[in-house]
Amino acid sequence: MPTEVIYNRIAMLRAERGISRRELAEALGVHYQTVGYLERGEYSPSLHLALRIAAYFEVSVEVIFSTDPFARLGSKDSTA
C-alpha cells in the first residue's frame, strides 16, 4: 500500500470527453488496466506519465493530480 496518495481527476476528464480507458491507454502507450489503477489511486504515475496525461488532456498537471483530495464538484469549496 503506497504511503503517499496521489489524487486525480482522470476518470472525470475521460467521462467529460467520452474517452474509454482503452482509448486513453492506447494514446499514452500503457496497458488499459494501468489507467484503471491510476483512476482508483492504486498506482501513482511517474512524473513522465503524469506529464503525458496532462498533455493528452491539454491541461496542467495540477488540474489532474493533487496530493490533497479534490473538492467534489458542486460543493461550496469547489473551484471547478
N, C-alpha and C. Protein backbone atom coordinates (compact mmCIF):
# COMPACT_ATOMS: atom_id res chain seq x y z
N MET A 1 0.85 -1.20 0.00
CA MET A 1 0.00 0.00 0.00
C MET A 1 0.88 1.24 0.00
N PRO A 2 0.66 2.15 -0.96
CA PRO A 2 1.52 3.33 -1.02
C PRO A 2 1.27 4.25 0.17
N THR A 3 2.35 4.85 0.67
CA THR A 3 2.21 5.77 1.79
C THR A 3 1.83 7.16 1.31
N GLU A 4 2.20 7.50 0.09
CA GLU A 4 1.88 8.81 -0.47
C GLU A 4 0.77 8.64 -1.50
N VAL A 5 -0.40 9.16 -1.18
CA VAL A 5 -1.54 9.04 -2.09
C VAL A 5 -1.54 10.23 -3.05
N ILE A 6 -1.72 9.94 -4.32
CA ILE A 6 -1.88 10.98 -5.33
C ILE A 6 -3.32 10.91 -5.82
N TYR A 7 -4.06 11.98 -5.60
CA TYR A 7 -5.45 12.05 -6.06
C TYR A 7 -5.46 12.52 -7.50
N ASN A 8 -6.48 12.10 -8.25
CA ASN A 8 -6.52 12.50 -9.66
C ASN A 8 -7.96 12.64 -10.16
N ARG A 9 -8.05 13.30 -11.28
CA ARG A 9 -9.34 13.52 -11.95
C ARG A 9 -9.37 12.86 -13.32
N ILE A 10 -8.63 11.80 -13.49
CA ILE A 10 -8.56 11.15 -14.80
C ILE A 10 -9.94 10.65 -15.23
N ALA A 11 -10.65 9.96 -14.35
CA ALA A 11 -11.96 9.41 -14.71
C ALA A 11 -12.93 10.53 -15.10
N MET A 12 -12.89 11.64 -14.37
CA MET A 12 -13.78 12.76 -14.68
C MET A 12 -13.46 13.34 -16.06
N LEU A 13 -12.18 13.53 -16.34
CA LEU A 13 -11.79 14.07 -17.64
C LEU A 13 -12.16 13.11 -18.77
N ARG A 14 -11.97 11.83 -18.54
CA ARG A 14 -12.34 10.84 -19.56
C ARG A 14 -13.83 10.89 -19.83
N ALA A 15 -14.62 10.94 -18.75
CA ALA A 15 -16.08 10.96 -18.89
C ALA A 15 -16.54 12.22 -19.63
N GLU A 16 -15.97 13.36 -19.27
CA GLU A 16 -16.34 14.62 -19.93
C GLU A 16 -16.11 14.55 -21.43
N ARG A 17 -15.06 13.85 -21.83
CA ARG A 17 -14.66 13.82 -23.24
C ARG A 17 -15.08 12.56 -23.96
N GLY A 18 -15.76 11.66 -23.26
CA GLY A 18 -16.24 10.43 -23.89
C GLY A 18 -15.14 9.50 -24.34
N ILE A 19 -14.08 9.42 -23.55
CA ILE A 19 -12.92 8.59 -23.90
C ILE A 19 -12.93 7.34 -23.01
N SER A 20 -12.75 6.18 -23.60
CA SER A 20 -12.70 4.94 -22.81
C SER A 20 -11.32 4.79 -22.19
N ARG A 21 -11.24 3.91 -21.19
CA ARG A 21 -9.93 3.61 -20.59
C ARG A 21 -8.97 3.08 -21.64
N ARG A 22 -9.51 2.24 -22.51
CA ARG A 22 -8.66 1.63 -23.55
C ARG A 22 -8.13 2.70 -24.51
N GLU A 23 -8.99 3.63 -24.91
CA GLU A 23 -8.55 4.71 -25.82
C GLU A 23 -7.45 5.55 -25.17
N LEU A 24 -7.64 5.90 -23.90
CA LEU A 24 -6.63 6.69 -23.20
C LEU A 24 -5.33 5.90 -23.09
N ALA A 25 -5.44 4.63 -22.72
CA ALA A 25 -4.25 3.79 -22.58
C ALA A 25 -3.48 3.70 -23.89
N GLU A 26 -4.20 3.51 -25.00
CA GLU A 26 -3.52 3.42 -26.30
C GLU A 26 -2.81 4.72 -26.64
N ALA A 27 -3.46 5.85 -26.34
CA ALA A 27 -2.85 7.15 -26.63
C ALA A 27 -1.59 7.38 -25.78
N LEU A 28 -1.58 6.82 -24.57
CA LEU A 28 -0.45 7.02 -23.65
C LEU A 28 0.61 5.94 -23.79
N GLY A 29 0.26 4.84 -24.47
CA GLY A 29 1.21 3.74 -24.61
C GLY A 29 1.34 2.90 -23.35
N VAL A 30 0.22 2.79 -22.60
CA VAL A 30 0.22 1.94 -21.40
C VAL A 30 -0.92 0.93 -21.52
N HIS A 31 -0.93 -0.08 -20.65
CA HIS A 31 -1.99 -1.08 -20.64
C HIS A 31 -3.26 -0.43 -20.09
N TYR A 32 -4.41 -0.82 -20.61
CA TYR A 32 -5.65 -0.19 -20.16
C TYR A 32 -5.91 -0.39 -18.67
N GLN A 33 -5.41 -1.50 -18.11
CA GLN A 33 -5.58 -1.71 -16.67
C GLN A 33 -4.80 -0.69 -15.86
N THR A 34 -3.71 -0.19 -16.41
CA THR A 34 -2.93 0.86 -15.74
C THR A 34 -3.78 2.09 -15.53
N VAL A 35 -4.60 2.43 -16.52
CA VAL A 35 -5.49 3.59 -16.39
C VAL A 35 -6.46 3.36 -15.24
N GLY A 36 -7.00 2.16 -15.13
CA GLY A 36 -7.89 1.84 -14.02
C GLY A 36 -7.20 1.96 -12.67
N TYR A 37 -5.96 1.45 -12.58
CA TYR A 37 -5.20 1.56 -11.34
C TYR A 37 -4.96 3.02 -10.98
N LEU A 38 -4.63 3.82 -11.98
CA LEU A 38 -4.41 5.25 -11.75
C LEU A 38 -5.69 5.91 -11.23
N GLU A 39 -6.81 5.65 -11.90
CA GLU A 39 -8.08 6.28 -11.53
C GLU A 39 -8.49 5.93 -10.11
N ARG A 40 -8.24 4.70 -9.69
CA ARG A 40 -8.62 4.27 -8.34
C ARG A 40 -7.60 4.65 -7.28
N GLY A 41 -6.50 5.24 -7.69
CA GLY A 41 -5.46 5.62 -6.74
C GLY A 41 -4.63 4.45 -6.26
N GLU A 42 -4.67 3.33 -6.99
CA GLU A 42 -3.90 2.15 -6.61
C GLU A 42 -2.48 2.21 -7.15
N TYR A 43 -2.23 3.18 -8.00
CA TYR A 43 -0.92 3.32 -8.63
C TYR A 43 -0.69 4.81 -8.86
N SER A 44 0.48 5.29 -8.45
CA SER A 44 0.83 6.69 -8.70
C SER A 44 1.70 6.74 -9.95
N PRO A 45 1.39 7.66 -10.85
CA PRO A 45 2.14 7.71 -12.10
C PRO A 45 3.54 8.28 -11.90
N SER A 46 4.44 7.90 -12.78
CA SER A 46 5.75 8.55 -12.82
C SER A 46 5.52 9.99 -13.27
N LEU A 47 6.48 10.83 -13.04
CA LEU A 47 6.37 12.22 -13.50
C LEU A 47 6.19 12.24 -15.01
N HIS A 48 6.91 11.39 -15.70
CA HIS A 48 6.81 11.34 -17.16
C HIS A 48 5.39 11.00 -17.61
N LEU A 49 4.79 9.99 -16.97
CA LEU A 49 3.43 9.60 -17.33
C LEU A 49 2.43 10.69 -16.94
N ALA A 50 2.61 11.31 -15.79
CA ALA A 50 1.71 12.39 -15.37
C ALA A 50 1.74 13.54 -16.37
N LEU A 51 2.92 13.88 -16.85
CA LEU A 51 3.05 14.96 -17.84
C LEU A 51 2.40 14.57 -19.16
N ARG A 52 2.54 13.30 -19.56
CA ARG A 52 1.92 12.83 -20.80
C ARG A 52 0.40 12.86 -20.69
N ILE A 53 -0.14 12.49 -19.52
CA ILE A 53 -1.59 12.53 -19.32
C ILE A 53 -2.08 13.97 -19.39
N ALA A 54 -1.37 14.89 -18.75
CA ALA A 54 -1.75 16.30 -18.79
C ALA A 54 -1.70 16.83 -20.22
N ALA A 55 -0.68 16.47 -20.96
CA ALA A 55 -0.56 16.92 -22.35
C ALA A 55 -1.70 16.35 -23.19
N TYR A 56 -2.07 15.09 -22.94
CA TYR A 56 -3.16 14.47 -23.69
C TYR A 56 -4.47 15.24 -23.49
N PHE A 57 -4.74 15.62 -22.23
CA PHE A 57 -5.98 16.34 -21.94
C PHE A 57 -5.84 17.86 -22.14
N GLU A 58 -4.62 18.31 -22.48
CA GLU A 58 -4.34 19.73 -22.73
C GLU A 58 -4.68 20.60 -21.53
N VAL A 59 -4.25 20.13 -20.36
CA VAL A 59 -4.41 20.88 -19.11
C VAL A 59 -3.09 20.77 -18.34
N SER A 60 -2.94 21.58 -17.29
CA SER A 60 -1.74 21.49 -16.47
C SER A 60 -1.83 20.26 -15.57
N VAL A 61 -0.70 19.79 -15.13
CA VAL A 61 -0.65 18.60 -14.26
C VAL A 61 -1.49 18.82 -13.01
N GLU A 62 -1.48 20.04 -12.46
CA GLU A 62 -2.22 20.33 -11.23
C GLU A 62 -3.73 20.20 -11.40
N VAL A 63 -4.22 20.33 -12.61
CA VAL A 63 -5.65 20.15 -12.86
C VAL A 63 -6.04 18.68 -12.66
N ILE A 64 -5.13 17.78 -12.96
CA ILE A 64 -5.42 16.34 -12.89
C ILE A 64 -4.97 15.70 -11.59
N PHE A 65 -3.80 16.08 -11.10
CA PHE A 65 -3.20 15.41 -9.95
C PHE A 65 -3.03 16.35 -8.76
N SER A 66 -3.18 15.78 -7.56
CA SER A 66 -3.01 16.56 -6.33
C SER A 66 -2.62 15.63 -5.19
N THR A 67 -1.90 16.17 -4.22
CA THR A 67 -1.60 15.40 -3.01
C THR A 67 -2.73 15.55 -1.99
N ASP A 68 -3.66 16.45 -2.25
CA ASP A 68 -4.84 16.64 -1.41
C ASP A 68 -6.08 16.22 -2.19
N PRO A 69 -7.10 15.71 -1.49
CA PRO A 69 -8.33 15.34 -2.20
C PRO A 69 -8.94 16.55 -2.90
N PHE A 70 -9.49 16.33 -4.07
CA PHE A 70 -10.18 17.39 -4.79
C PHE A 70 -11.54 17.62 -4.14
N ALA A 71 -12.00 18.88 -4.12
CA ALA A 71 -13.36 19.16 -3.66
C ALA A 71 -14.33 18.52 -4.64
N ARG A 72 -15.43 18.01 -4.13
CA ARG A 72 -16.42 17.40 -5.01
C ARG A 72 -17.05 18.49 -5.86
N LEU A 73 -17.32 18.19 -7.11
CA LEU A 73 -17.95 19.16 -7.99
C LEU A 73 -19.30 19.54 -7.42
N GLY A 74 -19.59 20.81 -7.42
CA GLY A 74 -20.86 21.28 -6.89
C GLY A 74 -20.79 21.62 -5.41
N SER A 75 -19.69 21.32 -4.74
CA SER A 75 -19.57 21.66 -3.33
C SER A 75 -19.18 23.13 -3.20
N LYS A 76 -19.37 23.68 -2.02
CA LYS A 76 -19.10 25.09 -1.80
C LYS A 76 -17.65 25.46 -2.05
N ASP A 77 -16.71 24.55 -1.70
CA ASP A 77 -15.31 24.89 -1.88
C ASP A 77 -14.76 24.50 -3.24
N SER A 78 -15.60 24.04 -4.12
CA SER A 78 -15.13 23.64 -5.45
C SER A 78 -14.79 24.88 -6.28
N THR A 79 -13.61 24.82 -6.90
CA THR A 79 -13.21 25.93 -7.77
C THR A 79 -13.46 25.59 -9.22
N ALA A 80 -13.94 24.39 -9.49
CA ALA A 80 -14.16 23.97 -10.88
C ALA A 80 -15.43 24.56 -11.42
